[in-house]
Amino acid sequence: MFTDEYFMKVALQQAKEAFSRDEVPIGAVIVSGTKILAKGYNLTESLTDVTAHAEMQAITAASNYLGAKYLTGCSLYVTLEPCVMCAGALYWSQISRVVVGARDEKRGFLSQGVHLHPKTEYISGILEEDCSLLLKDFFKAKRPR
């Protein structure tokens, strides 16, 4: 029951919340075992803060919940491949797993030659179509023909 797909669906719900608030629809969830520690979605427009990405929101919330700066033993589920800034934060958090929905070929950390912590497992393509479609729908509405 508590599969990667299950938790990615929770991250997708966060992305849909961002969409409803006219934020770029990216959602993130941090899990330890089967327990959700934190959820987040983009708040860059609402907070007028370029660092308020979904991953950053979730990392901060999970660290506060645990009372610790390291997230070893935790997994991040995020609907879009993290950017360089978020990958750096994930590196320093020492998170154990990063599970991605859709790749970001232009701005994702992999396209920039950035790496996660050497002990971090990286998985991509979980509910990729659903994650991509939500982003495409958002930007299609922003850039009508």
N, C-alpha and C. Protein backbone atom coordinates (compact mmCIF):
# COMPACT_ATOMS: atom_id res chain seq x y z
N MET A 1 0.82 -1.20 0.00
CA MET A 1 0.00 0.00 0.00
C MET A 1 0.86 1.26 0.00
N PHE A 2 1.89 1.33 0.82
CA PHE A 2 2.73 2.52 0.89
C PHE A 2 3.89 2.39 -0.09
N THR A 3 3.57 2.56 -1.36
CA THR A 3 4.55 2.44 -2.43
C THR A 3 5.04 3.83 -2.85
N ASP A 4 6.02 3.85 -3.74
CA ASP A 4 6.47 5.13 -4.29
C ASP A 4 5.31 5.85 -4.99
N GLU A 5 4.47 5.09 -5.67
CA GLU A 5 3.32 5.68 -6.35
C GLU A 5 2.35 6.32 -5.35
N TYR A 6 2.15 5.66 -4.24
CA TYR A 6 1.26 6.19 -3.20
C TYR A 6 1.73 7.57 -2.73
N PHE A 7 3.00 7.66 -2.38
CA PHE A 7 3.52 8.93 -1.87
C PHE A 7 3.63 9.99 -2.96
N MET A 8 3.87 9.57 -4.21
CA MET A 8 3.90 10.54 -5.31
C MET A 8 2.51 11.11 -5.53
N LYS A 9 1.47 10.33 -5.29
CA LYS A 9 0.10 10.86 -5.40
C LYS A 9 -0.14 11.94 -4.34
N VAL A 10 0.45 11.76 -3.16
CA VAL A 10 0.34 12.79 -2.12
C VAL A 10 1.07 14.06 -2.59
N ALA A 11 2.24 13.89 -3.18
CA ALA A 11 2.99 15.04 -3.71
C ALA A 11 2.19 15.71 -4.83
N LEU A 12 1.52 14.92 -5.66
CA LEU A 12 0.67 15.49 -6.72
C LEU A 12 -0.48 16.31 -6.14
N GLN A 13 -1.05 15.86 -5.03
CA GLN A 13 -2.10 16.66 -4.37
C GLN A 13 -1.55 18.01 -3.93
N GLN A 14 -0.32 18.02 -3.45
CA GLN A 14 0.33 19.28 -3.07
C GLN A 14 0.53 20.17 -4.31
N ALA A 15 0.92 19.56 -5.41
CA ALA A 15 1.11 20.31 -6.66
C ALA A 15 -0.22 20.91 -7.13
N LYS A 16 -1.29 20.16 -6.98
CA LYS A 16 -2.62 20.67 -7.36
C LYS A 16 -3.04 21.84 -6.46
N GLU A 17 -2.64 21.79 -5.20
CA GLU A 17 -2.90 22.91 -4.30
C GLU A 17 -2.15 24.15 -4.78
N ALA A 18 -0.90 23.97 -5.19
CA ALA A 18 -0.13 25.09 -5.75
C ALA A 18 -0.82 25.64 -6.99
N PHE A 19 -1.27 24.76 -7.87
CA PHE A 19 -1.98 25.16 -9.08
C PHE A 19 -3.19 26.04 -8.73
N SER A 20 -3.95 25.60 -7.74
CA SER A 20 -5.16 26.35 -7.35
C SER A 20 -4.83 27.73 -6.78
N ARG A 21 -3.59 27.92 -6.35
CA ARG A 21 -3.14 29.21 -5.80
C ARG A 21 -2.33 30.01 -6.81
N ASP A 22 -2.38 29.57 -8.08
CA ASP A 22 -1.67 30.21 -9.17
C ASP A 22 -0.16 30.19 -8.97
N GLU A 23 0.33 29.14 -8.34
CA GLU A 23 1.77 28.89 -8.18
C GLU A 23 2.16 27.80 -9.17
N VAL A 24 3.41 27.76 -9.59
CA VAL A 24 3.87 26.67 -10.44
C VAL A 24 3.59 25.37 -9.70
N PRO A 25 2.85 24.45 -10.32
CA PRO A 25 2.36 23.27 -9.60
C PRO A 25 3.41 22.18 -9.39
N ILE A 26 4.20 22.39 -8.36
CA ILE A 26 5.17 21.39 -7.94
C ILE A 26 4.89 21.08 -6.48
N GLY A 27 4.82 19.80 -6.16
CA GLY A 27 4.55 19.38 -4.79
C GLY A 27 5.62 18.44 -4.30
N ALA A 28 5.81 18.44 -2.98
CA ALA A 28 6.83 17.60 -2.36
C ALA A 28 6.31 17.03 -1.05
N VAL A 29 6.79 15.82 -0.74
CA VAL A 29 6.44 15.15 0.50
C VAL A 29 7.70 14.48 1.04
N ILE A 30 7.94 14.58 2.33
CA ILE A 30 9.06 13.87 2.95
C ILE A 30 8.49 12.82 3.89
N VAL A 31 9.02 11.61 3.73
CA VAL A 31 8.50 10.43 4.42
C VAL A 31 9.63 9.73 5.16
N SER A 32 9.29 9.21 6.34
CA SER A 32 10.21 8.33 7.06
C SER A 32 9.46 7.01 7.26
N GLY A 33 9.95 5.96 6.65
CA GLY A 33 9.23 4.69 6.69
C GLY A 33 7.92 4.85 5.94
N THR A 34 6.80 4.76 6.66
CA THR A 34 5.49 4.97 6.05
C THR A 34 4.82 6.23 6.59
N LYS A 35 5.54 7.01 7.39
CA LYS A 35 4.98 8.21 8.02
C LYS A 35 5.36 9.47 7.23
N ILE A 36 4.35 10.24 6.87
CA ILE A 36 4.60 11.52 6.21
C ILE A 36 5.00 12.53 7.28
N LEU A 37 6.21 13.07 7.13
CA LEU A 37 6.72 14.05 8.08
C LEU A 37 6.39 15.48 7.66
N ALA A 38 6.38 15.71 6.36
CA ALA A 38 6.18 17.08 5.87
C ALA A 38 5.66 17.08 4.45
N LYS A 39 4.92 18.12 4.13
CA LYS A 39 4.41 18.34 2.78
C LYS A 39 4.75 19.78 2.41
N GLY A 40 4.86 20.01 1.11
CA GLY A 40 5.11 21.37 0.66
C GLY A 40 4.76 21.53 -0.80
N TYR A 41 4.54 22.77 -1.18
CA TYR A 41 4.33 23.12 -2.58
C TYR A 41 4.92 24.50 -2.80
N ASN A 42 5.09 24.83 -4.07
CA ASN A 42 5.71 26.10 -4.39
C ASN A 42 4.92 27.26 -3.79
N LEU A 43 5.65 28.20 -3.21
CA LEU A 43 5.05 29.41 -2.64
C LEU A 43 5.83 30.65 -3.08
N THR A 44 6.53 30.56 -4.21
CA THR A 44 7.38 31.67 -4.63
C THR A 44 6.60 32.93 -4.92
N GLU A 45 5.43 32.81 -5.50
CA GLU A 45 4.60 33.99 -5.80
C GLU A 45 3.96 34.54 -4.53
N SER A 46 3.36 33.66 -3.74
CA SER A 46 2.66 34.08 -2.52
C SER A 46 3.59 34.76 -1.54
N LEU A 47 4.81 34.23 -1.40
CA LEU A 47 5.76 34.76 -0.42
C LEU A 47 6.73 35.77 -1.03
N THR A 48 6.63 35.96 -2.36
CA THR A 48 7.59 36.81 -3.07
C THR A 48 9.01 36.42 -2.68
N ASP A 49 9.28 35.13 -2.83
CA ASP A 49 10.54 34.56 -2.37
C ASP A 49 10.98 33.49 -3.37
N VAL A 50 12.06 33.75 -4.09
CA VAL A 50 12.52 32.80 -5.11
C VAL A 50 13.00 31.48 -4.53
N THR A 51 13.24 31.44 -3.23
CA THR A 51 13.70 30.19 -2.59
C THR A 51 12.55 29.34 -2.05
N ALA A 52 11.34 29.78 -2.19
CA ALA A 52 10.20 29.09 -1.59
C ALA A 52 9.69 27.94 -2.47
N HIS A 53 10.61 27.12 -2.93
CA HIS A 53 10.25 25.96 -3.74
C HIS A 53 9.64 24.87 -2.86
N ALA A 54 8.90 23.98 -3.48
CA ALA A 54 8.22 22.89 -2.76
C ALA A 54 9.19 22.09 -1.92
N GLU A 55 10.34 21.76 -2.49
CA GLU A 55 11.34 20.95 -1.77
C GLU A 55 11.85 21.69 -0.54
N MET A 56 12.11 22.98 -0.69
CA MET A 56 12.63 23.79 0.43
C MET A 56 11.59 23.86 1.55
N GLN A 57 10.32 24.01 1.18
CA GLN A 57 9.25 24.04 2.17
C GLN A 57 9.20 22.71 2.94
N ALA A 58 9.30 21.62 2.20
CA ALA A 58 9.22 20.29 2.82
C ALA A 58 10.46 20.00 3.68
N ILE A 59 11.64 20.37 3.20
CA ILE A 59 12.87 20.14 3.97
C ILE A 59 12.80 20.89 5.30
N THR A 60 12.40 22.15 5.25
CA THR A 60 12.31 22.95 6.48
C THR A 60 11.29 22.36 7.44
N ALA A 61 10.13 21.98 6.93
CA ALA A 61 9.09 21.41 7.79
C ALA A 61 9.53 20.08 8.40
N ALA A 62 10.17 19.23 7.61
CA ALA A 62 10.62 17.94 8.12
C ALA A 62 11.72 18.11 9.17
N SER A 63 12.65 19.03 8.91
CA SER A 63 13.72 19.29 9.88
C SER A 63 13.15 19.82 11.19
N ASN A 64 12.17 20.72 11.08
CA ASN A 64 11.52 21.24 12.29
C ASN A 64 10.78 20.13 13.03
N TYR A 65 10.10 19.26 12.30
CA TYR A 65 9.36 18.16 12.92
C TYR A 65 10.31 17.23 13.67
N LEU A 66 11.43 16.91 13.04
CA LEU A 66 12.40 15.99 13.65
C LEU A 66 13.30 16.66 14.68
N GLY A 67 13.39 17.99 14.61
CA GLY A 67 14.33 18.70 15.47
C GLY A 67 15.76 18.38 15.11
N ALA A 68 15.99 18.17 13.81
CA ALA A 68 17.31 17.79 13.32
C ALA A 68 17.53 18.37 11.93
N LYS A 69 18.78 18.66 11.61
CA LYS A 69 19.07 19.20 10.29
C LYS A 69 19.29 18.12 9.24
N TYR A 70 19.57 16.91 9.65
CA TYR A 70 19.80 15.82 8.71
C TYR A 70 18.55 14.97 8.56
N LEU A 71 18.30 14.56 7.33
CA LEU A 71 17.11 13.77 7.01
C LEU A 71 17.50 12.36 6.56
N THR A 72 18.52 11.81 7.19
CA THR A 72 18.91 10.43 6.88
C THR A 72 17.75 9.50 7.26
N GLY A 73 17.54 8.52 6.43
CA GLY A 73 16.43 7.59 6.66
C GLY A 73 15.12 8.10 6.09
N CYS A 74 15.13 9.28 5.46
CA CYS A 74 13.91 9.86 4.89
C CYS A 74 13.95 9.83 3.37
N SER A 75 12.77 9.90 2.78
CA SER A 75 12.62 9.97 1.32
C SER A 75 11.85 11.23 0.96
N LEU A 76 12.31 11.90 -0.10
CA LEU A 76 11.58 13.03 -0.67
C LEU A 76 10.89 12.55 -1.93
N TYR A 77 9.62 12.84 -2.04
CA TYR A 77 8.85 12.61 -3.26
C TYR A 77 8.52 13.97 -3.81
N VAL A 78 8.93 14.23 -5.06
CA VAL A 78 8.70 15.55 -5.66
C VAL A 78 8.26 15.36 -7.10
N THR A 79 7.30 16.17 -7.51
CA THR A 79 6.67 15.99 -8.82
C THR A 79 7.55 16.41 -9.99
N LEU A 80 8.55 17.26 -9.75
CA LEU A 80 9.47 17.68 -10.80
C LEU A 80 10.89 17.62 -10.28
N GLU A 81 11.81 17.19 -11.12
CA GLU A 81 13.22 17.11 -10.76
C GLU A 81 13.68 18.42 -10.10
N PRO A 82 14.33 18.34 -8.96
CA PRO A 82 14.76 19.55 -8.26
C PRO A 82 15.76 20.38 -9.07
N CYS A 83 15.72 21.68 -8.81
CA CYS A 83 16.68 22.60 -9.41
C CYS A 83 18.01 22.49 -8.65
N VAL A 84 18.99 23.24 -9.10
CA VAL A 84 20.31 23.23 -8.48
C VAL A 84 20.23 23.65 -7.00
N MET A 85 19.45 24.70 -6.71
CA MET A 85 19.33 25.17 -5.32
C MET A 85 18.76 24.07 -4.42
N CYS A 86 17.69 23.45 -4.87
CA CYS A 86 17.06 22.40 -4.06
C CYS A 86 17.95 21.17 -3.94
N ALA A 87 18.66 20.85 -5.02
CA ALA A 87 19.59 19.71 -4.97
C ALA A 87 20.68 19.97 -3.94
N GLY A 88 21.15 21.22 -3.87
CA GLY A 88 22.15 21.57 -2.86
C GLY A 88 21.61 21.39 -1.46
N ALA A 89 20.38 21.83 -1.24
CA ALA A 89 19.77 21.66 0.08
C ALA A 89 19.57 20.18 0.41
N LEU A 90 19.19 19.41 -0.59
CA LEU A 90 19.03 17.96 -0.39
C LEU A 90 20.36 17.30 -0.08
N TYR A 91 21.41 17.76 -0.76
CA TYR A 91 22.75 17.24 -0.49
C TYR A 91 23.10 17.47 0.98
N TRP A 92 22.95 18.71 1.45
CA TRP A 92 23.34 19.04 2.83
C TRP A 92 22.43 18.38 3.85
N SER A 93 21.18 18.08 3.48
CA SER A 93 20.28 17.41 4.42
C SER A 93 20.61 15.93 4.58
N GLN A 94 21.41 15.40 3.66
CA GLN A 94 21.78 13.99 3.64
C GLN A 94 20.56 13.06 3.55
N ILE A 95 19.55 13.52 2.85
CA ILE A 95 18.34 12.71 2.67
C ILE A 95 18.72 11.39 1.99
N SER A 96 18.05 10.33 2.35
CA SER A 96 18.43 8.99 1.87
C SER A 96 17.93 8.68 0.46
N ARG A 97 16.74 9.19 0.13
CA ARG A 97 16.16 8.90 -1.19
C ARG A 97 15.50 10.13 -1.75
N VAL A 98 15.63 10.31 -3.07
CA VAL A 98 14.90 11.34 -3.80
C VAL A 98 14.15 10.63 -4.91
N VAL A 99 12.83 10.76 -4.88
CA VAL A 99 11.96 10.10 -5.86
C VAL A 99 11.26 11.21 -6.66
N VAL A 100 11.48 11.20 -7.97
CA VAL A 100 11.02 12.27 -8.84
C VAL A 100 9.93 11.77 -9.77
N GLY A 101 8.95 12.63 -10.02
CA GLY A 101 7.93 12.34 -11.02
C GLY A 101 8.46 12.60 -12.41
N ALA A 102 8.54 13.87 -12.78
CA ALA A 102 8.97 14.26 -14.13
C ALA A 102 10.37 14.87 -14.10
N ARG A 103 11.13 14.60 -15.14
CA ARG A 103 12.45 15.21 -15.31
C ARG A 103 12.29 16.65 -15.76
N ASP A 104 13.25 17.49 -15.43
CA ASP A 104 13.30 18.88 -15.92
C ASP A 104 14.57 18.98 -16.75
N GLU A 105 14.42 18.77 -18.04
CA GLU A 105 15.56 18.69 -18.95
C GLU A 105 16.33 20.01 -19.05
N LYS A 106 15.65 21.14 -18.80
CA LYS A 106 16.30 22.45 -18.96
C LYS A 106 16.89 22.99 -17.66
N ARG A 107 16.16 22.86 -16.56
CA ARG A 107 16.58 23.49 -15.32
C ARG A 107 16.83 22.53 -14.16
N GLY A 108 16.64 21.26 -14.40
CA GLY A 108 16.87 20.28 -13.35
C GLY A 108 18.34 20.14 -13.01
N PHE A 109 18.61 19.68 -11.81
CA PHE A 109 19.99 19.59 -11.34
C PHE A 109 20.85 18.65 -12.18
N LEU A 110 20.25 17.59 -12.73
CA LEU A 110 21.03 16.65 -13.54
C LEU A 110 21.56 17.30 -14.81
N SER A 111 20.75 18.16 -15.42
CA SER A 111 21.18 18.83 -16.65
C SER A 111 22.29 19.85 -16.39
N GLN A 112 22.47 20.22 -15.13
CA GLN A 112 23.49 21.20 -14.75
C GLN A 112 24.75 20.54 -14.20
N GLY A 113 24.78 19.22 -14.19
CA GLY A 113 25.96 18.50 -13.73
C GLY A 113 26.13 18.49 -12.21
N VAL A 114 25.05 18.75 -11.49
CA VAL A 114 25.08 18.76 -10.02
C VAL A 114 24.74 17.36 -9.51
N HIS A 115 25.27 17.00 -8.35
CA HIS A 115 25.03 15.69 -7.78
C HIS A 115 24.39 15.79 -6.40
N LEU A 116 23.65 14.77 -6.05
CA LEU A 116 23.13 14.64 -4.70
C LEU A 116 24.21 14.03 -3.82
N HIS A 117 23.93 13.91 -2.54
CA HIS A 117 24.87 13.28 -1.61
C HIS A 117 25.19 11.87 -2.13
N PRO A 118 26.43 11.43 -2.00
CA PRO A 118 26.81 10.11 -2.53
C PRO A 118 25.98 8.94 -1.99
N LYS A 119 25.41 9.08 -0.81
CA LYS A 119 24.60 8.01 -0.23
C LYS A 119 23.12 8.12 -0.58
N THR A 120 22.75 9.17 -1.33
CA THR A 120 21.34 9.37 -1.68
C THR A 120 20.97 8.55 -2.90
N GLU A 121 19.91 7.77 -2.77
CA GLU A 121 19.37 7.00 -3.88
C GLU A 121 18.46 7.91 -4.69
N TYR A 122 18.57 7.86 -6.01
CA TYR A 122 17.76 8.70 -6.90
C TYR A 122 16.91 7.82 -7.80
N ILE A 123 15.60 8.09 -7.82
CA ILE A 123 14.66 7.34 -8.64
C ILE A 123 13.83 8.36 -9.42
N SER A 124 13.60 8.13 -10.68
CA SER A 124 12.86 9.07 -11.52
C SER A 124 11.79 8.34 -12.31
N GLY A 125 10.75 9.08 -12.71
CA GLY A 125 9.72 8.54 -13.59
C GLY A 125 8.50 7.98 -12.89
N ILE A 126 8.34 8.24 -11.61
CA ILE A 126 7.17 7.75 -10.87
C ILE A 126 5.98 8.67 -11.15
N LEU A 127 4.96 8.14 -11.77
CA LEU A 127 3.76 8.89 -12.20
C LEU A 127 4.17 10.08 -13.06
N GLU A 128 5.16 9.84 -13.91
CA GLU A 128 5.74 10.91 -14.75
C GLU A 128 4.69 11.61 -15.61
N GLU A 129 3.82 10.85 -16.22
CA GLU A 129 2.82 11.44 -17.11
C GLU A 129 1.89 12.38 -16.35
N ASP A 130 1.42 11.97 -15.19
CA ASP A 130 0.53 12.81 -14.39
C ASP A 130 1.23 14.09 -13.95
N CYS A 131 2.48 13.96 -13.52
CA CYS A 131 3.24 15.11 -13.05
C CYS A 131 3.50 16.09 -14.19
N SER A 132 3.87 15.56 -15.36
CA SER A 132 4.13 16.41 -16.53
C SER A 132 2.88 17.11 -17.02
N LEU A 133 1.77 16.39 -17.05
CA LEU A 133 0.52 16.95 -17.56
C LEU A 133 0.06 18.14 -16.72
N LEU A 134 0.19 18.04 -15.41
CA LEU A 134 -0.22 19.15 -14.55
C LEU A 134 0.59 20.41 -14.86
N LEU A 135 1.89 20.26 -15.04
CA LEU A 135 2.74 21.40 -15.40
C LEU A 135 2.39 21.95 -16.77
N LYS A 136 2.18 21.07 -17.73
CA LYS A 136 1.82 21.51 -19.09
C LYS A 136 0.50 22.28 -19.08
N ASP A 137 -0.48 21.78 -18.34
CA ASP A 137 -1.77 22.47 -18.24
C ASP A 137 -1.62 23.86 -17.62
N PHE A 138 -0.79 23.95 -16.60
CA PHE A 138 -0.57 25.25 -15.93
C PHE A 138 0.05 26.25 -16.90
N PHE A 139 1.10 25.85 -17.59
CA PHE A 139 1.78 26.79 -18.48
C PHE A 139 0.99 27.06 -19.75
N LYS A 140 0.18 26.11 -20.19
CA LYS A 140 -0.69 26.34 -21.33
C LYS A 140 -1.70 27.46 -21.01
N ALA A 141 -2.22 27.44 -19.79
CA ALA A 141 -3.17 28.49 -19.38
C ALA A 141 -2.47 29.84 -19.23
N LYS A 142 -1.19 29.83 -18.87
CA LYS A 142 -0.42 31.08 -18.71
C LYS A 142 -0.02 31.69 -20.04
N ARG A 143 0.15 30.82 -21.05
CA ARG A 143 0.64 31.28 -22.35
C ARG A 143 -0.32 30.88 -23.45
N PRO A 144 -1.53 31.45 -23.41
CA PRO A 144 -2.51 31.08 -24.46
C PRO A 144 -2.03 31.57 -25.84
N ARG A 145 -2.45 30.85 -26.84
CA ARG A 145 -2.05 31.19 -28.22
C ARG A 145 -2.90 32.28 -28.77
